[in-house]
Amino acid sequence: MPIVHIYTTEGWVSPARKRMMIEKVTNAVVEAEGLPQVRDMTYVVIHDVPDGGWGFQGRVYLKKDFASHIPPDPTES
């Protein structure tokens, strides 16, 4: 049973983007496994890390540090 964990800063990923990520990551797992029935056993968990809970190279990063890079919502069809 594949379980994929994705960590992101709280407020970075909108609900629409989370839905898209879950769908695409699930598709990637099914493709990697080569077994269509794996879809029914695949879990994707998105963890929202509170602001200030990220660090890189010994420095704490806040949402304001990368707010200009927040991606737009995907277009839903």
C-alpha atoms as a PDB file:
ATOM      1  CA  MET A   1       0.000   0.000   0.000  1.00  0.00           C
ATOM      2  CA  PRO A   2       1.830   3.160  -1.162  1.00  0.00           C
ATOM      3  CA  ILE A   3       1.613   6.188   1.129  1.00  0.00           C
ATOM      4  CA  VAL A   4       3.033   9.481  -0.166  1.00  0.00           C
ATOM      5  CA  HIS A   5       3.602  12.382   2.232  1.00  0.00           C
ATOM      6  CA  ILE A   6       3.879  15.954   0.930  1.00  0.00           C
ATOM      7  CA  TYR A   7       4.915  18.760   3.276  1.00  0.00           C
ATOM      8  CA  THR A   8       4.106  22.359   2.422  1.00  0.00           C
ATOM      9  CA  THR A   9       3.899  25.653   4.259  1.00  0.00           C
ATOM     10  CA  GLU A  10       0.431  26.384   5.586  1.00  0.00           C
ATOM     11  CA  GLY A  11      -1.460  28.568   3.115  1.00  0.00           C
ATOM     12  CA  TRP A  12       0.929  27.851   0.216  1.00  0.00           C
ATOM     13  CA  VAL A  13      -1.220  25.207  -1.504  1.00  0.00           C
ATOM     14  CA  SER A  14      -4.886  25.988  -2.165  1.00  0.00           C
ATOM     15  CA  PRO A  15      -7.569  23.288  -1.915  1.00  0.00           C
ATOM     16  CA  ALA A  16      -7.810  23.184  -5.741  1.00  0.00           C
ATOM     17  CA  ARG A  17      -4.042  22.679  -6.055  1.00  0.00           C
ATOM     18  CA  LYS A  18      -4.143  19.959  -3.353  1.00  0.00           C
ATOM     19  CA  ARG A  19      -6.811  18.081  -5.333  1.00  0.00           C
ATOM     20  CA  MET A  20      -4.650  18.323  -8.457  1.00  0.00           C
ATOM     21  CA  MET A  21      -1.535  17.200  -6.588  1.00  0.00           C
ATOM     22  CA  ILE A  22      -3.325  14.193  -5.084  1.00  0.00           C
ATOM     23  CA  GLU A  23      -4.639  13.145  -8.488  1.00  0.00           C
ATOM     24  CA  LYS A  24      -1.290  13.561 -10.277  1.00  0.00           C
ATOM     25  CA  VAL A  25       0.782  11.935  -7.537  1.00  0.00           C
ATOM     26  CA  THR A  26      -1.632   8.991  -7.439  1.00  0.00           C
ATOM     27  CA  ASN A  27      -1.331   8.661 -11.230  1.00  0.00           C
ATOM     28  CA  ALA A  28       2.473   8.705 -10.922  1.00  0.00           C
ATOM     29  CA  VAL A  29       2.402   5.953  -8.298  1.00  0.00           C
ATOM     30  CA  VAL A  30       0.144   3.789 -10.470  1.00  0.00           C
ATOM     31  CA  GLU A  31       2.449   4.345 -13.458  1.00  0.00           C
ATOM     32  CA  ALA A  32       5.574   3.570 -11.397  1.00  0.00           C
ATOM     33  CA  GLU A  33       4.042   0.382 -10.011  1.00  0.00           C
ATOM     34  CA  GLY A  34       2.676  -0.669 -13.389  1.00  0.00           C
ATOM     35  CA  LEU A  35      -0.423  -2.067 -11.707  1.00  0.00           C
ATOM     36  CA  PRO A  36      -3.767  -0.247 -12.165  1.00  0.00           C
ATOM     37  CA  GLN A  37      -5.175  -1.854  -9.012  1.00  0.00           C
ATOM     38  CA  VAL A  38      -2.610   0.086  -6.917  1.00  0.00           C
ATOM     39  CA  ARG A  39      -4.856   3.175  -7.357  1.00  0.00           C
ATOM     40  CA  ASP A  40      -7.296   1.676  -4.853  1.00  0.00           C
ATOM     41  CA  MET A  41      -4.498   1.290  -2.274  1.00  0.00           C
ATOM     42  CA  THR A  42      -2.623   4.596  -2.712  1.00  0.00           C
ATOM     43  CA  TYR A  43      -2.781   7.323  -0.096  1.00  0.00           C
ATOM     44  CA  VAL A  44      -1.476  10.868  -0.569  1.00  0.00           C
ATOM     45  CA  VAL A  45      -1.232  12.942   2.603  1.00  0.00           C
ATOM     46  CA  ILE A  46      -0.547  16.685   2.418  1.00  0.00           C
ATOM     47  CA  HIS A  47       0.839  18.166   5.629  1.00  0.00           C
ATOM     48  CA  ASP A  48       0.477  21.921   6.179  1.00  0.00           C
ATOM     49  CA  VAL A  49       3.449  23.069   8.251  1.00  0.00           C
ATOM     50  CA  PRO A  50       2.745  26.187  10.356  1.00  0.00           C
ATOM     51  CA  ASP A  51       4.512  29.393   9.351  1.00  0.00           C
ATOM     52  CA  GLY A  52       8.009  29.431  10.829  1.00  0.00           C
ATOM     53  CA  GLY A  53       8.169  25.627  10.856  1.00  0.00           C
ATOM     54  CA  TRP A  54      10.470  25.461   7.821  1.00  0.00           C
ATOM     55  CA  GLY A  55      14.216  25.731   7.926  1.00  0.00           C
ATOM     56  CA  PHE A  56      16.926  25.481   5.300  1.00  0.00           C
ATOM     57  CA  GLN A  57      20.677  25.807   5.688  1.00  0.00           C
ATOM     58  CA  GLY A  58      20.276  26.736   9.348  1.00  0.00           C
ATOM     59  CA  ARG A  59      17.786  29.541   8.729  1.00  0.00           C
ATOM     60  CA  VAL A  60      14.056  29.703   9.476  1.00  0.00           C
ATOM     61  CA  TYR A  61      11.970  30.686   6.454  1.00  0.00           C
ATOM     62  CA  LEU A  62       8.601  32.395   6.762  1.00  0.00           C
ATOM     63  CA  LYS A  63       5.789  32.488   4.222  1.00  0.00           C
ATOM     64  CA  LYS A  64       6.561  36.161   3.556  1.00  0.00           C
ATOM     65  CA  ASP A  65      10.047  35.120   2.389  1.00  0.00           C
ATOM     66  CA  PHE A  66       8.628  33.319  -0.619  1.00  0.00           C
ATOM     67  CA  ALA A  67       5.080  34.709  -0.950  1.00  0.00           C
ATOM     68  CA  SER A  68       5.838  36.038  -4.432  1.00  0.00           C
ATOM     69  CA  HIS A  69       6.400  32.442  -5.591  1.00  0.00           C
ATOM     70  CA  ILE A  70       2.990  31.071  -4.549  1.00  0.00           C
ATOM     71  CA  PRO A  71       1.593  29.331  -7.645  1.00  0.00           C
ATOM     72  CA  PRO A  72      -1.798  30.310  -9.072  1.00  0.00           C
ATOM     73  CA  ASP A  73      -4.702  27.914  -8.706  1.00  0.00           C
ATOM     74  CA  PRO A  74      -4.976  25.331 -11.455  1.00  0.00           C
ATOM     75  CA  THR A  75      -7.797  25.659 -13.945  1.00  0.00           C
ATOM     76  CA  GLU A  76     -10.436  23.056 -13.191  1.00  0.00           C
ATOM     77  CA  SER A  77     -12.115  21.434 -16.155  1.00  0.00           C
END
